[in-house]
Amino acid sequence: MVRLFDIDQGAPSSITGGEHFDDVPQVSAFPSPAMVANLGSRKGWKRGMANDSSPRLLAIVDALPLRHGMRVLEIGCGPGAAAREIVRRIGDGHVLAIDRSAKAIAQARAASRAEIAAGRLSFRQVAIEDFNLEADEKHFDIAVAVRVGALDGRHPEAGKIALQRLKAALTAQGRLFIDGGDPLREIVIHG
């Protein structure tokens, strides 16, 4: 078992092994009572947090410099909870959420029918190191990755390729955020 700490209160939260998407193990967070009690004071909760967003994912989305009309690339989207929360915050913007797992993408699409129908969210099954913009696809303003081995240092060779792919997919002012900071850290791609 791994112990994590709530960003706001320092309250521990247990993380145990969860379901698997293909061969990619996922974890499930079970918040401590202090974290549950603290939900009412979280910025995301006040803005209409969806029931499927964990406190950890909410803290990550809260930390992103989102604005209306943005194009956001979420890498390693899993079942799409963070992507749906980002869509709620960017007005008429668009989120493309990618994951290497076919099962994760199927689950994300099933849970995101309204956002997909509105044209504000799309999903693609692809690993970031294989990602390319489609011919008519616009560049992204922000990319965000949570627990993506190619970007968090666990797979450095894949990371080199991933950063090249991201540089080509982001605008000249585009920014990349990954977990591992408080709660995010930025990786400078351009410059």
Protein backbone atom coordinates (compact mmCIF):
# COMPACT_ATOMS: atom_id res chain seq x y z
CA MET A 1 0.00 0.00 0.00
CA VAL A 2 1.19 3.51 -0.85
CA ARG A 3 0.39 6.58 1.26
CA LEU A 4 -0.35 9.92 -0.40
CA PHE A 5 -1.05 13.24 1.27
CA ASP A 6 -3.91 15.59 0.60
CA ILE A 7 -2.51 18.83 -0.81
CA ASP A 8 -4.73 21.03 1.37
CA GLN A 9 -4.59 19.32 4.73
CA GLY A 10 -1.73 16.83 4.68
CA ALA A 11 -4.23 14.06 5.47
CA PRO A 12 -3.07 10.64 4.31
CA SER A 13 -5.07 8.74 1.71
CA SER A 14 -4.69 5.01 1.02
CA ILE A 15 -3.95 3.83 -2.50
CA THR A 16 -4.46 0.18 -3.30
CA GLY A 17 -4.22 -1.85 -6.48
CA GLY A 18 -7.26 -1.36 -8.68
CA GLU A 19 -8.60 -2.58 -11.97
CA HIS A 20 -6.45 -3.09 -15.04
CA PHE A 21 -6.84 -1.54 -18.48
CA ASP A 22 -5.33 -4.16 -20.76
CA ASP A 23 -1.87 -4.66 -19.23
CA VAL A 24 -1.62 -1.19 -17.68
CA PRO A 25 -2.25 -1.37 -13.91
CA GLN A 26 -4.36 1.43 -12.46
CA VAL A 27 -4.90 2.45 -8.85
CA SER A 28 -7.95 3.63 -6.99
CA ALA A 29 -7.83 6.35 -4.37
CA PHE A 30 -9.91 6.03 -1.23
CA PRO A 31 -9.90 9.44 0.46
CA SER A 32 -9.49 9.77 4.18
CA PRO A 33 -12.39 11.23 6.22
CA ALA A 34 -10.46 14.53 6.44
CA MET A 35 -10.25 14.69 2.65
CA VAL A 36 -13.98 13.97 2.27
CA ALA A 37 -14.82 16.64 4.86
CA ASN A 38 -12.58 19.08 2.99
CA LEU A 39 -14.33 18.64 -0.36
CA GLY A 40 -16.71 21.54 0.26
CA SER A 41 -13.81 24.00 0.43
CA ARG A 42 -12.06 22.86 -2.74
CA LYS A 43 -12.12 25.28 -5.65
CA GLY A 44 -13.23 22.53 -8.03
CA TRP A 45 -16.12 21.49 -5.81
CA LYS A 46 -17.44 25.06 -5.70
CA ARG A 47 -17.26 25.20 -9.50
CA GLY A 48 -19.49 22.15 -9.86
CA MET A 49 -17.14 19.20 -9.55
CA ALA A 50 -18.42 16.04 -11.15
CA ASN A 51 -18.95 13.07 -8.87
CA ASP A 52 -16.43 11.01 -10.86
CA SER A 53 -13.42 13.26 -10.11
CA SER A 54 -11.20 12.24 -7.20
CA PRO A 55 -9.77 14.91 -4.89
CA ARG A 56 -6.33 14.24 -6.42
CA LEU A 57 -7.57 14.74 -10.00
CA LEU A 58 -9.45 17.84 -8.94
CA ALA A 59 -6.30 19.33 -7.43
CA ILE A 60 -4.49 18.65 -10.69
CA VAL A 61 -7.20 20.26 -12.82
CA ASP A 62 -7.39 23.20 -10.38
CA ALA A 63 -3.64 23.77 -10.87
CA LEU A 64 -3.87 24.02 -14.67
CA PRO A 65 -3.89 27.55 -16.15
CA LEU A 66 -7.15 26.92 -18.03
CA ARG A 67 -9.13 29.58 -19.86
CA HIS A 68 -12.15 29.61 -22.13
CA GLY A 69 -11.55 28.53 -25.70
CA MET A 70 -8.37 26.52 -25.03
CA ARG A 71 -7.37 23.36 -26.79
CA VAL A 72 -6.10 20.82 -24.26
CA LEU A 73 -4.36 17.49 -24.84
CA GLU A 74 -4.69 15.05 -21.95
CA ILE A 75 -2.17 12.22 -22.10
CA GLY A 76 -2.97 8.93 -20.34
CA CYS A 77 -6.63 9.79 -19.79
CA GLY A 78 -7.78 6.44 -18.40
CA PRO A 79 -11.59 6.51 -17.98
CA GLY A 80 -11.72 10.25 -18.77
CA ALA A 81 -12.67 11.87 -15.43
CA ALA A 82 -10.05 14.64 -15.67
CA ALA A 83 -10.88 15.27 -19.33
CA ARG A 84 -14.56 15.77 -18.48
CA GLU A 85 -13.66 18.17 -15.66
CA ILE A 86 -11.38 20.17 -17.96
CA VAL A 87 -14.18 20.39 -20.56
CA ARG A 88 -16.45 21.91 -17.88
CA ARG A 89 -13.91 24.70 -17.32
CA ILE A 90 -12.87 25.76 -20.84
CA GLY A 91 -16.16 26.96 -22.30
CA ASP A 92 -16.17 26.45 -26.05
CA GLY A 93 -12.66 24.95 -26.05
CA HIS A 94 -11.82 21.35 -26.88
CA VAL A 95 -10.07 18.47 -25.12
CA LEU A 96 -8.45 15.57 -26.92
CA ALA A 97 -7.77 12.79 -24.43
CA ILE A 98 -5.44 9.97 -25.42
CA ASP A 99 -4.50 6.65 -23.85
CA ARG A 100 -2.62 3.61 -25.10
CA SER A 101 -5.31 1.28 -23.67
CA ALA A 102 -8.30 0.34 -25.85
CA LYS A 103 -10.29 -0.59 -22.75
CA ALA A 104 -9.64 2.78 -21.10
CA ILE A 105 -10.69 4.66 -24.25
CA ALA A 106 -13.89 2.57 -24.52
CA GLN A 107 -14.74 3.34 -20.88
CA ALA A 108 -13.97 7.04 -21.36
CA ARG A 109 -16.17 7.28 -24.46
CA ALA A 110 -19.05 5.51 -22.70
CA ALA A 111 -18.87 7.92 -19.74
CA SER A 112 -18.49 11.04 -21.93
CA ARG A 113 -21.33 10.80 -24.43
CA ALA A 114 -22.73 14.30 -23.75
CA GLU A 115 -19.33 16.02 -24.06
CA ILE A 116 -18.52 14.09 -27.25
CA ALA A 117 -21.93 14.91 -28.77
CA ALA A 118 -21.35 18.60 -27.98
CA GLY A 119 -18.05 18.46 -29.90
CA ARG A 120 -16.02 19.54 -26.88
CA LEU A 121 -14.28 16.25 -26.10
CA SER A 122 -12.75 13.53 -28.24
CA PHE A 123 -10.72 10.44 -27.50
CA ARG A 124 -8.01 8.62 -29.40
CA GLN A 125 -6.26 5.35 -28.63
CA VAL A 126 -2.57 6.10 -29.04
CA ALA A 127 0.56 6.25 -26.90
CA ILE A 128 2.13 9.71 -26.67
CA GLU A 129 5.32 8.45 -28.30
CA ASP A 130 3.21 7.48 -31.36
CA PHE A 131 0.99 10.60 -31.36
CA ASN A 132 0.75 12.91 -34.37
CA LEU A 133 -1.67 15.70 -35.18
CA GLU A 134 -4.15 14.70 -37.85
CA ALA A 135 -4.03 16.64 -41.13
CA ASP A 136 -6.78 19.14 -40.19
CA GLU A 137 -6.12 19.22 -36.45
CA LYS A 138 -5.18 22.48 -34.72
CA HIS A 139 -2.28 22.69 -32.26
CA PHE A 140 -2.91 22.49 -28.51
CA ASP A 141 -2.43 25.25 -25.93
CA ILE A 142 -1.75 22.91 -23.01
CA ALA A 143 -0.88 19.25 -22.54
CA VAL A 144 -1.26 17.48 -19.22
CA ALA A 145 -0.08 14.01 -18.21
CA VAL A 146 -0.66 12.16 -14.95
CA ARG A 147 1.24 8.93 -14.27
CA VAL A 148 2.60 8.63 -17.81
CA GLY A 149 5.87 6.71 -17.71
CA ALA A 150 7.23 8.29 -20.90
CA LEU A 151 7.02 11.73 -19.28
CA ASP A 152 7.67 11.14 -15.58
CA GLY A 153 11.12 9.60 -16.00
CA ARG A 154 10.23 5.91 -15.76
CA HIS A 155 10.86 5.34 -19.49
CA PRO A 156 13.51 7.87 -20.60
CA GLU A 157 13.91 6.64 -24.18
CA ALA A 158 10.17 6.82 -24.80
CA GLY A 159 10.26 10.22 -23.08
CA LYS A 160 12.64 11.65 -25.68
CA ILE A 161 10.26 10.62 -28.47
CA ALA A 162 7.22 11.84 -26.50
CA LEU A 163 8.73 15.30 -26.04
CA GLN A 164 9.40 15.56 -29.79
CA ARG A 165 5.78 14.57 -30.50
CA LEU A 166 4.52 17.14 -27.98
CA LYS A 167 6.68 19.92 -29.41
CA ALA A 168 5.04 19.29 -32.79
CA ALA A 169 1.52 19.15 -31.27
CA LEU A 170 1.64 22.28 -29.09
CA THR A 171 1.41 25.91 -30.19
CA ALA A 172 4.61 27.97 -30.03
CA GLN A 173 3.47 29.13 -26.55
CA GLY A 174 2.13 25.68 -25.62
CA ARG A 175 2.85 24.32 -22.16
CA LEU A 176 3.27 20.79 -20.77
CA PHE A 177 2.31 19.91 -17.20
CA ILE A 178 2.94 16.58 -15.49
CA ASP A 179 2.27 15.29 -12.01
CA GLY A 180 5.05 15.26 -9.45
CA GLY A 181 4.98 18.88 -8.34
CA ASP A 182 2.53 20.50 -5.96
CA PRO A 183 0.49 18.94 -7.60
CA LEU A 184 1.95 19.65 -11.06
CA ARG A 185 5.24 20.69 -12.54
CA GLU A 186 5.87 22.23 -15.93
CA ILE A 187 8.27 20.82 -18.48
CA VAL A 188 9.54 23.51 -20.86
CA ILE A 189 9.26 22.27 -24.43
CA HIS A 190 9.79 25.44 -26.45
CA GLY A 191 12.74 27.70 -25.82
